[in-house]
Amino acid sequence: MAETIRIERVQTGVRMEKRLVKVLKGLAEYLDISLGDLLEGICLHAFEGKSPTFGEETLGKIAALKAVYGLDLDARASHRLREADDDER
């Protein structure tokens, strides 16, 4: 087993796209880890230019969760998202 690393965690008030959060919460539940642990892992991989390694079964679960929650966004949408209520301003 790898050596553990002591850290300090903080609460954050991050806002994210609603369906994406539902998929992330579902995936964290499926993997039996916290949402924070899932996001930390994804970020640490991304910061090194790596993709998190999800097996075929997990990728299938992600696809199923995206279908359940109607998440039709992909990486191409990442810099084009805008709040719905921005149209009213």
PDB file of N, CA and C in Angstrom:
ATOM      1  N   MET A   1       0.851  -1.192   0.000  1.00  0.00           N
ATOM      2  CA  MET A   1       0.000   0.000   0.000  1.00  0.00           C
ATOM      3  C   MET A   1       0.887   1.242   0.000  1.00  0.00           C
ATOM      4  N   ALA A   2       0.477   2.236  -0.771  1.00  0.00           N
ATOM      5  CA  ALA A   2       1.254   3.474  -0.887  1.00  0.00           C
ATOM      6  C   ALA A   2       1.198   4.268   0.418  1.00  0.00           C
ATOM      7  N   GLU A   3       2.241   5.010   0.651  1.00  0.00           N
ATOM      8  CA  GLU A   3       2.316   5.863   1.837  1.00  0.00           C
ATOM      9  C   GLU A   3       1.255   6.960   1.759  1.00  0.00           C
ATOM     10  N   THR A   4       0.590   7.216   2.886  1.00  0.00           N
ATOM     11  CA  THR A   4      -0.412   8.273   2.905  1.00  0.00           C
ATOM     12  C   THR A   4       0.257   9.638   3.017  1.00  0.00           C
ATOM     13  N   ILE A   5      -0.420  10.649   2.527  1.00  0.00           N
ATOM     14  CA  ILE A   5       0.083  12.017   2.538  1.00  0.00           C
ATOM     15  C   ILE A   5      -0.883  12.850   3.363  1.00  0.00           C
ATOM     16  N   ARG A   6      -0.385  13.505   4.387  1.00  0.00           N
ATOM     17  CA  ARG A   6      -1.223  14.338   5.258  1.00  0.00           C
ATOM     18  C   ARG A   6      -1.498  15.667   4.559  1.00  0.00           C
ATOM     19  N   ILE A   7      -2.763  16.053   4.536  1.00  0.00           N
ATOM     20  CA  ILE A   7      -3.170  17.300   3.885  1.00  0.00           C
ATOM     21  C   ILE A   7      -4.182  18.018   4.756  1.00  0.00           C
ATOM     22  N   GLU A   8      -4.507  19.244   4.378  1.00  0.00           N
ATOM     23  CA  GLU A   8      -5.590  19.995   5.009  1.00  0.00           C
ATOM     24  C   GLU A   8      -6.625  20.301   3.943  1.00  0.00           C
ATOM     25  N   ARG A   9      -7.864  19.957   4.200  1.00  0.00           N
ATOM     26  CA  ARG A   9      -8.936  20.227   3.249  1.00  0.00           C
ATOM     27  C   ARG A   9      -9.737  21.437   3.705  1.00  0.00           C
ATOM     28  N   VAL A  10     -10.337  22.145   2.740  1.00  0.00           N
ATOM     29  CA  VAL A  10     -11.173  23.307   3.020  1.00  0.00           C
ATOM     30  C   VAL A  10     -12.509  23.133   2.309  1.00  0.00           C
ATOM     31  N   GLN A  11     -13.558  23.732   2.879  1.00  0.00           N
ATOM     32  CA  GLN A  11     -14.860  23.767   2.214  1.00  0.00           C
ATOM     33  C   GLN A  11     -14.791  24.762   1.071  1.00  0.00           C
ATOM     34  N   THR A  12     -15.512  24.476   0.012  1.00  0.00           N
ATOM     35  CA  THR A  12     -15.524  25.381  -1.118  1.00  0.00           C
ATOM     36  C   THR A  12     -16.960  25.572  -1.592  1.00  0.00           C
ATOM     37  N   GLY A  13     -17.226  26.705  -2.129  1.00  0.00           N
ATOM     38  CA  GLY A  13     -18.563  27.015  -2.639  1.00  0.00           C
ATOM     39  C   GLY A  13     -18.568  27.065  -4.151  1.00  0.00           C
ATOM     40  N   VAL A  14     -18.041  26.051  -4.776  1.00  0.00           N
ATOM     41  CA  VAL A  14     -17.911  26.018  -6.234  1.00  0.00           C
ATOM     42  C   VAL A  14     -19.270  25.816  -6.891  1.00  0.00           C
ATOM     43  N   ARG A  15     -19.527  26.556  -7.957  1.00  0.00           N
ATOM     44  CA  ARG A  15     -20.755  26.389  -8.738  1.00  0.00           C
ATOM     45  C   ARG A  15     -20.400  25.636 -10.015  1.00  0.00           C
ATOM     46  N   MET A  16     -21.210  24.626 -10.330  1.00  0.00           N
ATOM     47  CA  MET A  16     -20.989  23.809 -11.521  1.00  0.00           C
ATOM     48  C   MET A  16     -22.323  23.520 -12.194  1.00  0.00           C
ATOM     49  N   GLU A  17     -22.275  23.116 -13.428  1.00  0.00           N
ATOM     50  CA  GLU A  17     -23.459  22.760 -14.197  1.00  0.00           C
ATOM     51  C   GLU A  17     -24.205  21.636 -13.472  1.00  0.00           C
ATOM     52  N   LYS A  18     -25.496  21.798 -13.312  1.00  0.00           N
ATOM     53  CA  LYS A  18     -26.325  20.928 -12.476  1.00  0.00           C
ATOM     54  C   LYS A  18     -26.245  19.446 -12.870  1.00  0.00           C
ATOM     55  N   ARG A  19     -26.385  19.149 -14.143  1.00  0.00           N
ATOM     56  CA  ARG A  19     -26.371  17.746 -14.579  1.00  0.00           C
ATOM     57  C   ARG A  19     -25.002  17.124 -14.400  1.00  0.00           C
ATOM     58  N   LEU A  20     -23.955  17.929 -14.587  1.00  0.00           N
ATOM     59  CA  LEU A  20     -22.596  17.442 -14.387  1.00  0.00           C
ATOM     60  C   LEU A  20     -22.379  17.050 -12.930  1.00  0.00           C
ATOM     61  N   VAL A  21     -22.879  17.865 -12.017  1.00  0.00           N
ATOM     62  CA  VAL A  21     -22.755  17.556 -10.586  1.00  0.00           C
ATOM     63  C   VAL A  21     -23.489  16.260 -10.263  1.00  0.00           C
ATOM     64  N   LYS A  22     -24.663  16.057 -10.845  1.00  0.00           N
ATOM     65  CA  LYS A  22     -25.408  14.824 -10.595  1.00  0.00           C
ATOM     66  C   LYS A  22     -24.629  13.604 -11.069  1.00  0.00           C
ATOM     67  N   VAL A  23     -24.008  13.697 -12.243  1.00  0.00           N
ATOM     68  CA  VAL A  23     -23.209  12.589 -12.760  1.00  0.00           C
ATOM     69  C   VAL A  23     -21.998  12.346 -11.858  1.00  0.00           C
ATOM     70  N   LEU A  24     -21.332  13.417 -11.430  1.00  0.00           N
ATOM     71  CA  LEU A  24     -20.174  13.274 -10.550  1.00  0.00           C
ATOM     72  C   LEU A  24     -20.564  12.644  -9.213  1.00  0.00           C
ATOM     73  N   LYS A  25     -21.672  13.080  -8.640  1.00  0.00           N
ATOM     74  CA  LYS A  25     -22.132  12.490  -7.374  1.00  0.00           C
ATOM     75  C   LYS A  25     -22.465  11.014  -7.557  1.00  0.00           C
ATOM     76  N   GLY A  26     -23.132  10.685  -8.649  1.00  0.00           N
ATOM     77  CA  GLY A  26     -23.464   9.288  -8.931  1.00  0.00           C
ATOM     78  C   GLY A  26     -22.221   8.447  -9.118  1.00  0.00           C
ATOM     79  N   LEU A  27     -21.226   8.990  -9.809  1.00  0.00           N
ATOM     80  CA  LEU A  27     -19.973   8.271 -10.032  1.00  0.00           C
ATOM     81  C   LEU A  27     -19.224   8.071  -8.720  1.00  0.00           C
ATOM     82  N   ALA A  28     -19.175   9.097  -7.892  1.00  0.00           N
ATOM     83  CA  ALA A  28     -18.512   8.974  -6.594  1.00  0.00           C
ATOM     84  C   ALA A  28     -19.195   7.895  -5.759  1.00  0.00           C
ATOM     85  N   GLU A  29     -20.506   7.886  -5.764  1.00  0.00           N
ATOM     86  CA  GLU A  29     -21.262   6.862  -5.026  1.00  0.00           C
ATOM     87  C   GLU A  29     -20.923   5.475  -5.574  1.00  0.00           C
ATOM     88  N   TYR A  30     -20.913   5.339  -6.893  1.00  0.00           N
ATOM     89  CA  TYR A  30     -20.595   4.062  -7.539  1.00  0.00           C
ATOM     90  C   TYR A  30     -19.195   3.587  -7.148  1.00  0.00           C
ATOM     91  N   LEU A  31     -18.235   4.510  -7.093  1.00  0.00           N
ATOM     92  CA  LEU A  31     -16.848   4.171  -6.747  1.00  0.00           C
ATOM     93  C   LEU A  31     -16.632   4.066  -5.237  1.00  0.00           C
ATOM     94  N   ASP A  32     -17.663   4.414  -4.466  1.00  0.00           N
ATOM     95  CA  ASP A  32     -17.615   4.382  -3.002  1.00  0.00           C
ATOM     96  C   ASP A  32     -16.533   5.303  -2.449  1.00  0.00           C
ATOM     97  N   ILE A  33     -16.481   6.504  -3.029  1.00  0.00           N
ATOM     98  CA  ILE A  33     -15.575   7.542  -2.539  1.00  0.00           C
ATOM     99  C   ILE A  33     -16.374   8.842  -2.420  1.00  0.00           C
ATOM    100  N   SER A  34     -15.801   9.816  -1.743  1.00  0.00           N
ATOM    101  CA  SER A  34     -16.494  11.098  -1.620  1.00  0.00           C
ATOM    102  C   SER A  34     -16.386  11.874  -2.934  1.00  0.00           C
ATOM    103  N   LEU A  35     -17.305  12.807  -3.114  1.00  0.00           N
ATOM    104  CA  LEU A  35     -17.250  13.684  -4.284  1.00  0.00           C
ATOM    105  C   LEU A  35     -15.929  14.450  -4.292  1.00  0.00           C
ATOM    106  N   GLY A  36     -15.497  14.926  -3.137  1.00  0.00           N
ATOM    107  CA  GLY A  36     -14.228  15.649  -3.041  1.00  0.00           C
ATOM    108  C   GLY A  36     -13.048  14.799  -3.475  1.00  0.00           C
ATOM    109  N   ASP A  37     -13.015  13.532  -3.037  1.00  0.00           N
ATOM    110  CA  ASP A  37     -11.924  12.638  -3.444  1.00  0.00           C
ATOM    111  C   ASP A  37     -11.917  12.430  -4.955  1.00  0.00           C
ATOM    112  N   LEU A  38     -13.102  12.274  -5.540  1.00  0.00           N
ATOM    113  CA  LEU A  38     -13.200  12.101  -6.988  1.00  0.00           C
ATOM    114  C   LEU A  38     -12.663  13.331  -7.712  1.00  0.00           C
ATOM    115  N   LEU A  39     -13.098  14.521  -7.280  1.00  0.00           N
ATOM    116  CA  LEU A  39     -12.651  15.757  -7.932  1.00  0.00           C
ATOM    117  C   LEU A  39     -11.156  15.980  -7.745  1.00  0.00           C
ATOM    118  N   GLU A  40     -10.635  15.678  -6.549  1.00  0.00           N
ATOM    119  CA  GLU A  40      -9.187  15.804  -6.327  1.00  0.00           C
ATOM    120  C   GLU A  40      -8.412  14.919  -7.292  1.00  0.00           C
ATOM    121  N   GLY A  41      -8.862  13.670  -7.437  1.00  0.00           N
ATOM    122  CA  GLY A  41      -8.178  12.751  -8.344  1.00  0.00           C
ATOM    123  C   GLY A  41      -8.214  13.217  -9.786  1.00  0.00           C
ATOM    124  N   ILE A  42      -9.370  13.678 -10.232  1.00  0.00           N
ATOM    125  CA  ILE A  42      -9.502  14.174 -11.607  1.00  0.00           C
ATOM    126  C   ILE A  42      -8.583  15.376 -11.826  1.00  0.00           C
ATOM    127  N   CYS A  43      -8.574  16.313 -10.874  1.00  0.00           N
ATOM    128  CA  CYS A  43      -7.740  17.514 -11.000  1.00  0.00           C
ATOM    129  C   CYS A  43      -6.252  17.180 -10.982  1.00  0.00           C
ATOM    130  N   LEU A  44      -5.832  16.318 -10.062  1.00  0.00           N
ATOM    131  CA  LEU A  44      -4.410  15.976  -9.992  1.00  0.00           C
ATOM    132  C   LEU A  44      -3.932  15.316 -11.279  1.00  0.00           C
ATOM    133  N   HIS A  45      -4.768  14.490 -11.888  1.00  0.00           N
ATOM    134  CA  HIS A  45      -4.412  13.907 -13.184  1.00  0.00           C
ATOM    135  C   HIS A  45      -4.334  14.999 -14.250  1.00  0.00           C
ATOM    136  N   ALA A  46      -5.350  15.864 -14.307  1.00  0.00           N
ATOM    137  CA  ALA A  46      -5.409  16.915 -15.334  1.00  0.00           C
ATOM    138  C   ALA A  46      -4.230  17.866 -15.219  1.00  0.00           C
ATOM    139  N   PHE A  47      -3.803  18.193 -14.001  1.00  0.00           N
ATOM    140  CA  PHE A  47      -2.686  19.114 -13.808  1.00  0.00           C
ATOM    141  C   PHE A  47      -1.373  18.562 -14.363  1.00  0.00           C
ATOM    142  N   GLU A  48      -1.302  17.240 -14.561  1.00  0.00           N
ATOM    143  CA  GLU A  48      -0.121  16.616 -15.162  1.00  0.00           C
ATOM    144  C   GLU A  48      -0.347  16.280 -16.627  1.00  0.00           C
ATOM    145  N   GLY A  49      -1.458  16.779 -17.183  1.00  0.00           N
ATOM    146  CA  GLY A  49      -1.764  16.512 -18.585  1.00  0.00           C
ATOM    147  C   GLY A  49      -2.204  15.084 -18.822  1.00  0.00           C
ATOM    148  N   LYS A  50      -2.670  14.417 -17.766  1.00  0.00           N
ATOM    149  CA  LYS A  50      -3.094  13.025 -17.870  1.00  0.00           C
ATOM    150  C   LYS A  50      -4.610  12.946 -17.730  1.00  0.00           C
ATOM    151  N   SER A  51      -5.140  11.896 -18.255  1.00  0.00           N
ATOM    152  CA  SER A  51      -6.561  11.619 -18.095  1.00  0.00           C
ATOM    153  C   SER A  51      -6.713  10.622 -16.956  1.00  0.00           C
ATOM    154  N   PRO A  52      -7.740  10.798 -16.103  1.00  0.00           N
ATOM    155  CA  PRO A  52      -7.951   9.770 -15.079  1.00  0.00           C
ATOM    156  C   PRO A  52      -8.228   8.438 -15.760  1.00  0.00           C
ATOM    157  N   THR A  53      -7.720   7.379 -15.219  1.00  0.00           N
ATOM    158  CA  THR A  53      -7.881   6.069 -15.840  1.00  0.00           C
ATOM    159  C   THR A  53      -9.124   5.386 -15.287  1.00  0.00           C
ATOM    160  N   PHE A  54     -10.200   5.447 -16.051  1.00  0.00           N
ATOM    161  CA  PHE A  54     -11.425   4.756 -15.702  1.00  0.00           C
ATOM    162  C   PHE A  54     -11.497   3.500 -16.560  1.00  0.00           C
ATOM    163  N   GLY A  55     -11.774   2.376 -15.936  1.00  0.00           N
ATOM    164  CA  GLY A  55     -11.916   1.125 -16.672  1.00  0.00           C
ATOM    165  C   GLY A  55     -13.171   1.118 -17.521  1.00  0.00           C
ATOM    166  N   GLU A  56     -13.300   0.085 -18.342  1.00  0.00           N
ATOM    167  CA  GLU A  56     -14.464  -0.025 -19.230  1.00  0.00           C
ATOM    168  C   GLU A  56     -15.777  -0.046 -18.451  1.00  0.00           C
ATOM    169  N   GLU A  57     -15.806  -0.750 -17.322  1.00  0.00           N
ATOM    170  CA  GLU A  57     -17.023  -0.819 -16.519  1.00  0.00           C
ATOM    171  C   GLU A  57     -17.402   0.572 -15.987  1.00  0.00           C
ATOM    172  N   THR A  58     -16.399   1.311 -15.503  1.00  0.00           N
ATOM    173  CA  THR A  58     -16.658   2.648 -14.975  1.00  0.00           C
ATOM    174  C   THR A  58     -17.074   3.600 -16.086  1.00  0.00           C
ATOM    175  N   LEU A  59     -16.444   3.506 -17.250  1.00  0.00           N
ATOM    176  CA  LEU A  59     -16.842   4.339 -18.381  1.00  0.00           C
ATOM    177  C   LEU A  59     -18.284   4.039 -18.791  1.00  0.00           C
ATOM    178  N   GLY A  60     -18.675   2.776 -18.711  1.00  0.00           N
ATOM    179  CA  GLY A  60     -20.056   2.409 -18.994  1.00  0.00           C
ATOM    180  C   GLY A  60     -21.012   3.025 -17.985  1.00  0.00           C
ATOM    181  N   LYS A  61     -20.608   3.043 -16.722  1.00  0.00           N
ATOM    182  CA  LYS A  61     -21.430   3.649 -15.673  1.00  0.00           C
ATOM    183  C   LYS A  61     -21.551   5.156 -15.903  1.00  0.00           C
ATOM    184  N   ILE A  62     -20.446   5.793 -16.281  1.00  0.00           N
ATOM    185  CA  ILE A  62     -20.481   7.233 -16.578  1.00  0.00           C
ATOM    186  C   ILE A  62     -21.461   7.504 -17.722  1.00  0.00           C
ATOM    187  N   ALA A  63     -21.389   6.712 -18.774  1.00  0.00           N
ATOM    188  CA  ALA A  63     -22.304   6.885 -19.916  1.00  0.00           C
ATOM    189  C   ALA A  63     -23.755   6.709 -19.473  1.00  0.00           C
ATOM    190  N   ALA A  64     -24.001   5.722 -18.619  1.00  0.00           N
ATOM    191  CA  ALA A  64     -25.363   5.492 -18.124  1.00  0.00           C
ATOM    192  C   ALA A  64     -25.839   6.663 -17.273  1.00  0.00           C
ATOM    193  N   LEU A  65     -24.981   7.172 -16.403  1.00  0.00           N
ATOM    194  CA  LEU A  65     -25.348   8.322 -15.568  1.00  0.00           C
ATOM    195  C   LEU A  65     -25.609   9.560 -16.420  1.00  0.00           C
ATOM    196  N   LYS A  66     -24.794   9.769 -17.462  1.00  0.00           N
ATOM    197  CA  LYS A  66     -25.015  10.902 -18.356  1.00  0.00           C
ATOM    198  C   LYS A  66     -26.377  10.782 -19.032  1.00  0.00           C
ATOM    199  N   ALA A  67     -26.744   9.573 -19.425  1.00  0.00           N
ATOM    200  CA  ALA A  67     -28.041   9.365 -20.069  1.00  0.00           C
ATOM    201  C   ALA A  67     -29.177   9.616 -19.081  1.00  0.00           C
ATOM    202  N   VAL A  68     -29.052   9.106 -17.874  1.00  0.00           N
ATOM    203  CA  VAL A  68     -30.093   9.279 -16.862  1.00  0.00           C
ATOM    204  C   VAL A  68     -30.330  10.759 -16.571  1.00  0.00           C
ATOM    205  N   TYR A  69     -29.245  11.527 -16.451  1.00  0.00           N
ATOM    206  CA  TYR A  69     -29.370  12.940 -16.074  1.00  0.00           C
ATOM    207  C   TYR A  69     -29.388  13.883 -17.273  1.00  0.00           C
ATOM    208  N   GLY A  70     -29.404  13.342 -18.486  1.00  0.00           N
ATOM    209  CA  GLY A  70     -29.513  14.170 -19.682  1.00  0.00           C
ATOM    210  C   GLY A  70     -28.293  15.038 -19.935  1.00  0.00           C
ATOM    211  N   LEU A  71     -27.121  14.579 -19.501  1.00  0.00           N
ATOM    212  CA  LEU A  71     -25.902  15.358 -19.708  1.00  0.00           C
ATOM    213  C   LEU A  71     -25.375  15.107 -21.118  1.00  0.00           C
ATOM    214  N   ASP A  72     -25.555  16.088 -21.980  1.00  0.00           N
ATOM    215  CA  ASP A  72     -25.133  15.967 -23.374  1.00  0.00           C
ATOM    216  C   ASP A  72     -23.919  16.837 -23.674  1.00  0.00           C
ATOM    217  N   LEU A  73     -23.267  17.328 -22.651  1.00  0.00           N
ATOM    218  CA  LEU A  73     -22.073  18.169 -22.829  1.00  0.00           C
ATOM    219  C   LEU A  73     -20.833  17.303 -22.924  1.00  0.00           C
ATOM    220  N   ASP A  74     -19.834  17.802 -23.648  1.00  0.00           N
ATOM    221  CA  ASP A  74     -18.531  17.140 -23.691  1.00  0.00           C
ATOM    222  C   ASP A  74     -17.451  18.201 -23.541  1.00  0.00           C
ATOM    223  N   ALA A  75     -16.198  17.821 -23.694  1.00  0.00           N
ATOM    224  CA  ALA A  75     -15.080  18.738 -23.456  1.00  0.00           C
ATOM    225  C   ALA A  75     -15.155  19.990 -24.335  1.00  0.00           C
ATOM    226  N   ARG A  76     -15.738  19.881 -25.511  1.00  0.00           N
ATOM    227  CA  ARG A  76     -15.839  21.050 -26.403  1.00  0.00           C
ATOM    228  C   ARG A  76     -16.697  22.158 -25.810  1.00  0.00           C
ATOM    229  N   ALA A  77     -17.559  21.818 -24.861  1.00  0.00           N
ATOM    230  CA  ALA A  77     -18.449  22.810 -24.251  1.00  0.00           C
ATOM    231  C   ALA A  77     -17.782  23.568 -23.105  1.00  0.00           C
ATOM    232  N   SER A  78     -16.610  23.142 -22.678  1.00  0.00           N
ATOM    233  CA  SER A  78     -16.031  23.632 -21.423  1.00  0.00           C
ATOM    234  C   SER A  78     -15.843  25.142 -21.340  1.00  0.00           C
ATOM    235  N   HIS A  79     -15.561  25.813 -22.410  1.00  0.00           N
ATOM    236  CA  HIS A  79     -15.351  27.266 -22.355  1.00  0.00           C
ATOM    237  C   HIS A  79     -16.504  28.047 -22.962  1.00  0.00           C
ATOM    238  N   ARG A  80     -17.621  27.357 -23.191  1.00  0.00           N
ATOM    239  CA  ARG A  80     -18.768  28.018 -23.814  1.00  0.00           C
ATOM    240  C   ARG A  80     -19.993  28.030 -22.908  1.00  0.00           C
ATOM    241  N   LEU A  81     -19.870  27.557 -21.681  1.00  0.00           N
ATOM    242  CA  LEU A  81     -21.019  27.487 -20.773  1.00  0.00           C
ATOM    243  C   LEU A  81     -21.336  28.867 -20.216  1.00  0.00           C
ATOM    244  N   ARG A  82     -22.615  29.156 -20.119  1.00  0.00           N
ATOM    245  CA  ARG A  82     -23.073  30.448 -19.620  1.00  0.00           C
ATOM    246  C   ARG A  82     -24.341  30.221 -18.812  1.00  0.00           C
ATOM    247  N   GLU A  83     -24.503  30.955 -17.734  1.00  0.00           N
ATOM    248  CA  GLU A  83     -25.691  30.842 -16.883  1.00  0.00           C
ATOM    249  C   GLU A  83     -26.941  31.173 -17.680  1.00  0.00           C
ATOM    250  N   ALA A  84     -28.010  30.418 -17.481  1.00  0.00           N
ATOM    251  CA  ALA A  84     -29.272  30.660 -18.191  1.00  0.00           C
ATOM    252  C   ALA A  84     -29.807  32.044 -17.878  1.00  0.00           C
ATOM    253  N   ASP A  85     -29.679  32.496 -16.633  1.00  0.00           N
ATOM    254  CA  ASP A  85     -30.221  33.799 -16.274  1.00  0.00           C
ATOM    255  C   ASP A  85     -29.384  34.962 -16.799  1.00  0.00           C
ATOM    256  N   ASP A  86     -28.223  34.689 -17.419  1.00  0.00           N
ATOM    257  CA  ASP A  86     -27.429  35.752 -18.055  1.00  0.00           C
ATOM    258  C   ASP A  86     -28.185  36.359 -19.230  1.00  0.00           C
ATOM    259  N   ASP A  87     -29.097  35.571 -19.835  1.00  0.00           N
ATOM    260  CA  ASP A  87     -29.876  36.063 -20.971  1.00  0.00           C
ATOM    261  C   ASP A  87     -30.848  37.167 -20.558  1.00  0.00           C
ATOM    262  N   GLU A  88     -31.213  37.181 -19.265  1.00  0.00           N
ATOM    263  CA  GLU A  88     -32.180  38.163 -18.782  1.00  0.00           C
ATOM    264  C   GLU A  88     -31.545  39.510 -18.432  1.00  0.00           C
ATOM    265  N   ARG A  89     -30.250  39.560 -18.431  1.00  0.00           N
ATOM    266  CA  ARG A  89     -29.554  40.806 -18.037  1.00  0.00           C
ATOM    267  C   ARG A  89     -29.290  41.706 -19.206  1.00  0.00           C
TER     268      ARG A  89
END
